Amino acid sequence: MADEQRLVDLAWRLEAQGYRDRAAENLKLAEEAQTPDVRERYRKIAQHYLELAEVQEQSAKQPAGRPGDH
């Protein structure tokens, strides 16, 4: 059971890292954007991905927040 829990935790953390990677990609696109409107859109998308990563990491710390644990 402990090994299974570690794998679940790892999966959740990897998903959070994927969100952080997408945020970094969008921040890079924001830097390269030609207009302020497009820069701001990419920044907002990046912020959204960072928020998703944070939620994912918080959920990983709370067993009740995991699907199937109800």
PDB file of N, CA and C in Angstrom:
ATOM      1  N   MET A   1       0.824  -1.196   0.000  1.00  0.00           N
ATOM      2  CA  MET A   1       0.000   0.000   0.000  1.00  0.00           C
ATOM      3  C   MET A   1       0.863   1.252   0.000  1.00  0.00           C
ATOM      4  N   ALA A   2       1.943   1.270   0.766  1.00  0.00           N
ATOM      5  CA  ALA A   2       2.812   2.443   0.837  1.00  0.00           C
ATOM      6  C   ALA A   2       3.459   2.703  -0.524  1.00  0.00           C
ATOM      7  N   ASP A   3       3.856   1.635  -1.220  1.00  0.00           N
ATOM      8  CA  ASP A   3       4.443   1.804  -2.553  1.00  0.00           C
ATOM      9  C   ASP A   3       3.426   2.385  -3.525  1.00  0.00           C
ATOM     10  N   GLU A   4       2.203   1.906  -3.447  1.00  0.00           N
ATOM     11  CA  GLU A   4       1.149   2.426  -4.317  1.00  0.00           C
ATOM     12  C   GLU A   4       0.916   3.907  -4.038  1.00  0.00           C
ATOM     13  N   GLN A   5       0.923   4.275  -2.761  1.00  0.00           N
ATOM     14  CA  GLN A   5       0.730   5.679  -2.384  1.00  0.00           C
ATOM     15  C   GLN A   5       1.866   6.541  -2.923  1.00  0.00           C
ATOM     16  N   ARG A   6       3.097   6.041  -2.859  1.00  0.00           N
ATOM     17  CA  ARG A   6       4.236   6.790  -3.392  1.00  0.00           C
ATOM     18  C   ARG A   6       4.115   6.990  -4.892  1.00  0.00           C
ATOM     19  N   LEU A   7       3.632   5.981  -5.583  1.00  0.00           N
ATOM     20  CA  LEU A   7       3.438   6.114  -7.030  1.00  0.00           C
ATOM     21  C   LEU A   7       2.360   7.141  -7.356  1.00  0.00           C
ATOM     22  N   VAL A   8       1.290   7.140  -6.574  1.00  0.00           N
ATOM     23  CA  VAL A   8       0.226   8.123  -6.779  1.00  0.00           C
ATOM     24  C   VAL A   8       0.775   9.528  -6.530  1.00  0.00           C
ATOM     25  N   ASP A   9       1.529   9.693  -5.444  1.00  0.00           N
ATOM     26  CA  ASP A   9       2.122  10.997  -5.130  1.00  0.00           C
ATOM     27  C   ASP A   9       3.051  11.450  -6.253  1.00  0.00           C
ATOM     28  N   LEU A  10       3.847  10.532  -6.751  1.00  0.00           N
ATOM     29  CA  LEU A  10       4.763  10.863  -7.848  1.00  0.00           C
ATOM     30  C   LEU A  10       3.985  11.289  -9.088  1.00  0.00           C
ATOM     31  N   ALA A  11       2.928  10.575  -9.408  1.00  0.00           N
ATOM     32  CA  ALA A  11       2.117  10.925 -10.572  1.00  0.00           C
ATOM     33  C   ALA A  11       1.528  12.321 -10.428  1.00  0.00           C
ATOM     34  N   TRP A  12       1.032  12.645  -9.246  1.00  0.00           N
ATOM     35  CA  TRP A  12       0.449  13.971  -9.019  1.00  0.00           C
ATOM     36  C   TRP A  12       1.518  15.050  -9.138  1.00  0.00           C
ATOM     37  N   ARG A  13       2.698  14.778  -8.604  1.00  0.00           N
ATOM     38  CA  ARG A  13       3.779  15.770  -8.676  1.00  0.00           C
ATOM     39  C   ARG A  13       4.278  15.941 -10.113  1.00  0.00           C
ATOM     40  N   LEU A  14       4.324  14.860 -10.853  1.00  0.00           N
ATOM     41  CA  LEU A  14       4.728  14.962 -12.260  1.00  0.00           C
ATOM     42  C   LEU A  14       3.715  15.772 -13.063  1.00  0.00           C
ATOM     43  N   GLU A  15       2.444  15.589 -12.761  1.00  0.00           N
ATOM     44  CA  GLU A  15       1.417  16.374 -13.441  1.00  0.00           C
ATOM     45  C   GLU A  15       1.572  17.855 -13.089  1.00  0.00           C
ATOM     46  N   ALA A  16       1.859  18.144 -11.832  1.00  0.00           N
ATOM     47  CA  ALA A  16       2.090  19.532 -11.422  1.00  0.00           C
ATOM     48  C   ALA A  16       3.296  20.112 -12.154  1.00  0.00           C
ATOM     49  N   GLN A  17       4.347  19.314 -12.301  1.00  0.00           N
ATOM     50  CA  GLN A  17       5.530  19.786 -13.019  1.00  0.00           C
ATOM     51  C   GLN A  17       5.201  20.057 -14.483  1.00  0.00           C
ATOM     52  N   GLY A  18       4.340  19.244 -15.064  1.00  0.00           N
ATOM     53  CA  GLY A  18       3.907  19.487 -16.439  1.00  0.00           C
ATOM     54  C   GLY A  18       3.215  20.836 -16.566  1.00  0.00           C
ATOM     55  N   TYR A  19       2.400  21.186 -15.577  1.00  0.00           N
ATOM     56  CA  TYR A  19       1.748  22.497 -15.575  1.00  0.00           C
ATOM     57  C   TYR A  19       2.792  23.609 -15.474  1.00  0.00           C
ATOM     58  N   ARG A  20       3.791  23.399 -14.627  1.00  0.00           N
ATOM     59  CA  ARG A  20       4.845  24.417 -14.488  1.00  0.00           C
ATOM     60  C   ARG A  20       5.635  24.566 -15.796  1.00  0.00           C
ATOM     61  N   ASP A  21       5.871  23.455 -16.469  1.00  0.00           N
ATOM     62  CA  ASP A  21       6.566  23.516 -17.762  1.00  0.00           C
ATOM     63  C   ASP A  21       5.755  24.309 -18.781  1.00  0.00           C
ATOM     64  N   ARG A  22       4.449  24.080 -18.809  1.00  0.00           N
ATOM     65  CA  ARG A  22       3.587  24.828 -19.735  1.00  0.00           C
ATOM     66  C   ARG A  22       3.570  26.314 -19.388  1.00  0.00           C
ATOM     67  N   ALA A  23       3.610  26.619 -18.095  1.00  0.00           N
ATOM     68  CA  ALA A  23       3.674  28.017 -17.680  1.00  0.00           C
ATOM     69  C   ALA A  23       4.957  28.663 -18.188  1.00  0.00           C
ATOM     70  N   ALA A  24       6.071  27.954 -18.065  1.00  0.00           N
ATOM     71  CA  ALA A  24       7.349  28.488 -18.541  1.00  0.00           C
ATOM     72  C   ALA A  24       7.319  28.717 -20.055  1.00  0.00           C
ATOM     73  N   GLU A  25       6.722  27.798 -20.790  1.00  0.00           N
ATOM     74  CA  GLU A  25       6.605  27.950 -22.241  1.00  0.00           C
ATOM     75  C   GLU A  25       5.804  29.207 -22.589  1.00  0.00           C
ATOM     76  N   ASN A  26       4.720  29.429 -21.863  1.00  0.00           N
ATOM     77  CA  ASN A  26       3.888  30.603 -22.136  1.00  0.00           C
ATOM     78  C   ASN A  26       4.584  31.897 -21.747  1.00  0.00           C
ATOM     79  N   LEU A  27       5.377  31.869 -20.691  1.00  0.00           N
ATOM     80  CA  LEU A  27       6.143  33.063 -20.331  1.00  0.00           C
ATOM     81  C   LEU A  27       7.180  33.381 -21.403  1.00  0.00           C
ATOM     82  N   LYS A  28       7.781  32.349 -21.969  1.00  0.00           N
ATOM     83  CA  LYS A  28       8.737  32.562 -23.059  1.00  0.00           C
ATOM     84  C   LYS A  28       8.024  33.155 -24.271  1.00  0.00           C
ATOM     85  N   LEU A  29       6.864  32.630 -24.593  1.00  0.00           N
ATOM     86  CA  LEU A  29       6.083  33.184 -25.704  1.00  0.00           C
ATOM     87  C   LEU A  29       5.694  34.633 -25.423  1.00  0.00           C
ATOM     88  N   ALA A  30       5.398  34.951 -24.179  1.00  0.00           N
ATOM     89  CA  ALA A  30       5.051  36.327 -23.818  1.00  0.00           C
ATOM     90  C   ALA A  30       6.224  37.266 -24.099  1.00  0.00           C
ATOM     91  N   GLU A  31       7.428  36.803 -23.780  1.00  0.00           N
ATOM     92  CA  GLU A  31       8.611  37.623 -24.027  1.00  0.00           C
ATOM     93  C   GLU A  31       8.823  37.879 -25.515  1.00  0.00           C
ATOM     94  N   GLU A  32       8.426  36.923 -26.339  1.00  0.00           N
ATOM     95  CA  GLU A  32       8.642  37.022 -27.783  1.00  0.00           C
ATOM     96  C   GLU A  32       7.476  37.677 -28.524  1.00  0.00           C
ATOM     97  N   ALA A  33       6.371  37.910 -27.830  1.00  0.00           N
ATOM     98  CA  ALA A  33       5.172  38.440 -28.479  1.00  0.00           C
ATOM     99  C   ALA A  33       5.419  39.857 -29.000  1.00  0.00           C
ATOM    100  N   GLN A  34       4.746  40.157 -30.085  1.00  0.00           N
ATOM    101  CA  GLN A  34       4.932  41.448 -30.754  1.00  0.00           C
ATOM    102  C   GLN A  34       4.066  42.568 -30.188  1.00  0.00           C
ATOM    103  N   THR A  35       2.952  42.217 -29.569  1.00  0.00           N
ATOM    104  CA  THR A  35       2.047  43.261 -29.079  1.00  0.00           C
ATOM    105  C   THR A  35       1.777  43.079 -27.588  1.00  0.00           C
ATOM    106  N   PRO A  36       1.468  44.174 -26.908  1.00  0.00           N
ATOM    107  CA  PRO A  36       1.163  44.085 -25.474  1.00  0.00           C
ATOM    108  C   PRO A  36      -0.028  43.175 -25.173  1.00  0.00           C
ATOM    109  N   ASP A  37      -1.043  43.197 -26.019  1.00  0.00           N
ATOM    110  CA  ASP A  37      -2.218  42.346 -25.785  1.00  0.00           C
ATOM    111  C   ASP A  37      -1.850  40.868 -25.799  1.00  0.00           C
ATOM    112  N   VAL A  38      -1.046  40.483 -26.763  1.00  0.00           N
ATOM    113  CA  VAL A  38      -0.641  39.077 -26.868  1.00  0.00           C
ATOM    114  C   VAL A  38       0.259  38.705 -25.692  1.00  0.00           C
ATOM    115  N   ARG A  39       1.173  39.600 -25.319  1.00  0.00           N
ATOM    116  CA  ARG A  39       2.033  39.345 -24.151  1.00  0.00           C
ATOM    117  C   ARG A  39       1.190  39.095 -22.906  1.00  0.00           C
ATOM    118  N   GLU A  40       0.191  39.939 -22.724  1.00  0.00           N
ATOM    119  CA  GLU A  40      -0.666  39.810 -21.537  1.00  0.00           C
ATOM    120  C   GLU A  40      -1.453  38.500 -21.572  1.00  0.00           C
ATOM    121  N   ARG A  41      -1.915  38.092 -22.721  1.00  0.00           N
ATOM    122  CA  ARG A  41      -2.648  36.806 -22.822  1.00  0.00           C
ATOM    123  C   ARG A  41      -1.756  35.639 -22.438  1.00  0.00           C
ATOM    124  N   TYR A  42      -0.524  35.638 -22.964  1.00  0.00           N
ATOM    125  CA  TYR A  42       0.404  34.558 -22.609  1.00  0.00           C
ATOM    126  C   TYR A  42       0.723  34.574 -21.116  1.00  0.00           C
ATOM    127  N   ARG A  43       0.867  35.755 -20.538  1.00  0.00           N
ATOM    128  CA  ARG A  43       1.136  35.836 -19.094  1.00  0.00           C
ATOM    129  C   ARG A  43      -0.041  35.295 -18.290  1.00  0.00           C
ATOM    130  N   LYS A  44      -1.239  35.604 -18.712  1.00  0.00           N
ATOM    131  CA  LYS A  44      -2.426  35.094 -18.006  1.00  0.00           C
ATOM    132  C   LYS A  44      -2.520  33.575 -18.114  1.00  0.00           C
ATOM    133  N   ILE A  45      -2.211  33.056 -19.284  1.00  0.00           N
ATOM    134  CA  ILE A  45      -2.217  31.595 -19.463  1.00  0.00           C
ATOM    135  C   ILE A  45      -1.165  30.968 -18.550  1.00  0.00           C
ATOM    136  N   ALA A  46       0.020  31.571 -18.501  1.00  0.00           N
ATOM    137  CA  ALA A  46       1.082  31.062 -17.628  1.00  0.00           C
ATOM    138  C   ALA A  46       0.629  31.074 -16.175  1.00  0.00           C
ATOM    139  N   GLN A  47       0.000  32.145 -15.747  1.00  0.00           N
ATOM    140  CA  GLN A  47      -0.484  32.234 -14.373  1.00  0.00           C
ATOM    141  C   GLN A  47      -1.510  31.140 -14.085  1.00  0.00           C
ATOM    142  N   HIS A  48      -2.367  30.890 -15.048  1.00  0.00           N
ATOM    143  CA  HIS A  48      -3.372  29.832 -14.886  1.00  0.00           C
ATOM    144  C   HIS A  48      -2.693  28.472 -14.682  1.00  0.00           C
ATOM    145  N   TYR A  49      -1.669  28.184 -15.495  1.00  0.00           N
ATOM    146  CA  TYR A  49      -0.952  26.914 -15.333  1.00  0.00           C
ATOM    147  C   TYR A  49      -0.256  26.835 -13.975  1.00  0.00           C
ATOM    148  N   LEU A  50       0.295  27.943 -13.500  1.00  0.00           N
ATOM    149  CA  LEU A  50       0.932  27.930 -12.183  1.00  0.00           C
ATOM    150  C   LEU A  50      -0.089  27.665 -11.080  1.00  0.00           C
ATOM    151  N   GLU A  51      -1.269  28.222 -11.229  1.00  0.00           N
ATOM    152  CA  GLU A  51      -2.326  27.964 -10.253  1.00  0.00           C
ATOM    153  C   GLU A  51      -2.748  26.499 -10.288  1.00  0.00           C
ATOM    154  N   LEU A  52      -2.838  25.923 -11.480  1.00  0.00           N
ATOM    155  CA  LEU A  52      -3.172  24.502 -11.585  1.00  0.00           C
ATOM    156  C   LEU A  52      -2.105  23.644 -10.913  1.00  0.00           C
ATOM    157  N   ALA A  53      -0.853  24.005 -11.105  1.00  0.00           N
ATOM    158  CA  ALA A  53       0.237  23.251 -10.478  1.00  0.00           C
ATOM    159  C   ALA A  53       0.125  23.306  -8.958  1.00  0.00           C
ATOM    160  N   GLU A  54      -0.176  24.474  -8.444  1.00  0.00           N
ATOM    161  CA  GLU A  54      -0.312  24.639  -6.996  1.00  0.00           C
ATOM    162  C   GLU A  54      -1.467  23.794  -6.453  1.00  0.00           C
ATOM    163  N   VAL A  55      -2.590  23.828  -7.123  1.00  0.00           N
ATOM    164  CA  VAL A  55      -3.743  23.025  -6.708  1.00  0.00           C
ATOM    165  C   VAL A  55      -3.391  21.538  -6.755  1.00  0.00           C
ATOM    166  N   GLN A  56      -2.708  21.142  -7.813  1.00  0.00           N
ATOM    167  CA  GLN A  56      -2.312  19.743  -7.959  1.00  0.00           C
ATOM    168  C   GLN A  56      -1.411  19.311  -6.808  1.00  0.00           C
ATOM    169  N   GLU A  57      -0.445  20.150  -6.463  1.00  0.00           N
ATOM    170  CA  GLU A  57       0.467  19.809  -5.372  1.00  0.00           C
ATOM    171  C   GLU A  57      -0.266  19.772  -4.023  1.00  0.00           C
ATOM    172  N   GLN A  58      -1.188  20.690  -3.820  1.00  0.00           N
ATOM    173  CA  GLN A  58      -1.960  20.679  -2.577  1.00  0.00           C
ATOM    174  C   GLN A  58      -2.837  19.433  -2.500  1.00  0.00           C
ATOM    175  N   SER A  59      -3.417  19.045  -3.614  1.00  0.00           N
ATOM    176  CA  SER A  59      -4.255  17.846  -3.645  1.00  0.00           C
ATOM    177  C   SER A  59      -3.437  16.601  -3.342  1.00  0.00           C
ATOM    178  N   ALA A  60      -2.199  16.583  -3.798  1.00  0.00           N
ATOM    179  CA  ALA A  60      -1.334  15.430  -3.547  1.00  0.00           C
ATOM    180  C   ALA A  60      -1.046  15.263  -2.060  1.00  0.00           C
ATOM    181  N   LYS A  61      -1.103  16.352  -1.321  1.00  0.00           N
ATOM    182  CA  LYS A  61      -0.823  16.308   0.114  1.00  0.00           C
ATOM    183  C   LYS A  61      -2.044  15.906   0.937  1.00  0.00           C
ATOM    184  N   GLN A  62      -3.218  15.905   0.301  1.00  0.00           N
ATOM    185  CA  GLN A  62      -4.455  15.618   1.025  1.00  0.00           C
ATOM    186  C   GLN A  62      -5.115  14.364   0.463  1.00  0.00           C
ATOM    187  N   PRO A  63      -5.005  13.239   1.160  1.00  0.00           N
ATOM    188  CA  PRO A  63      -5.611  12.012   0.650  1.00  0.00           C
ATOM    189  C   PRO A  63      -7.083  12.148   0.301  1.00  0.00           C
ATOM    190  N   ALA A  64      -7.831  12.959   1.020  1.00  0.00           N
ATOM    191  CA  ALA A  64      -9.262  13.125   0.724  1.00  0.00           C
ATOM    192  C   ALA A  64      -9.479  13.817  -0.608  1.00  0.00           C
ATOM    193  N   GLY A  65      -8.462  14.523  -1.118  1.00  0.00           N
ATOM    194  CA  GLY A  65      -8.587  15.229  -2.372  1.00  0.00           C
ATOM    195  C   GLY A  65      -8.321  14.372  -3.576  1.00  0.00           C
ATOM    196  N   ARG A  66      -7.934  13.135  -3.363  1.00  0.00           N
ATOM    197  CA  ARG A  66      -7.617  12.249  -4.483  1.00  0.00           C
ATOM    198  C   ARG A  66      -8.851  11.553  -5.002  1.00  0.00           C
ATOM    199  N   PRO A  67      -8.967  11.470  -6.310  1.00  0.00           N
ATOM    200  CA  PRO A  67     -10.105  10.729  -6.875  1.00  0.00           C
ATOM    201  C   PRO A  67     -10.077   9.280  -6.404  1.00  0.00           C
ATOM    202  N   GLY A  68     -11.218   8.750  -6.084  1.00  0.00           N
ATOM    203  CA  GLY A  68     -11.320   7.347  -5.688  1.00  0.00           C
ATOM    204  C   GLY A  68     -11.107   7.099  -4.201  1.00  0.00           C
ATOM    205  N   ASP A  69     -10.724   8.130  -3.449  1.00  0.00           N
ATOM    206  CA  ASP A  69     -10.488   7.964  -2.015  1.00  0.00           C
ATOM    207  C   ASP A  69     -11.693   8.337  -1.173  1.00  0.00           C
ATOM    208  N   HIS A  70     -12.845   8.574  -1.777  1.00  0.00           N
ATOM    209  CA  HIS A  70     -14.035   9.009  -1.034  1.00  0.00           C
ATOM    210  C   HIS A  70     -14.719   7.844  -0.382  1.00  0.00           C
TER     211      HIS A  70
END
